[in-house]
Amino acid sequence: MHWMWPLFTDDWETWRATKLQLSPLPFTDTVTSNPVWHSRPSSPLLLYGFSKEAVECPGYWPSSVHLCGF
């Protein structure tokens, strides 16, 4: 088990399972509760919730990174 998962187990666990119909813990199989983070495909897009006017986008960020504003 990942050391951060207990942070999500109080109200998040029930909310994730009932409202979102996801596994109670992030990155776990809904049936077995085993970790599945290693089998996840990489995300094609990364959105940051701040504006270019607040933080300048470094040149080394890949093209899949977008600043979408506040």
Foldseek 3Di string as FASTA:
>chain_A
DDPCQVVCQDVNLVCCCPVVVDHSTPQADNPPRHHNPVVDDDDQAAEDAADCVVPPDDPPDDPRYDYDHD
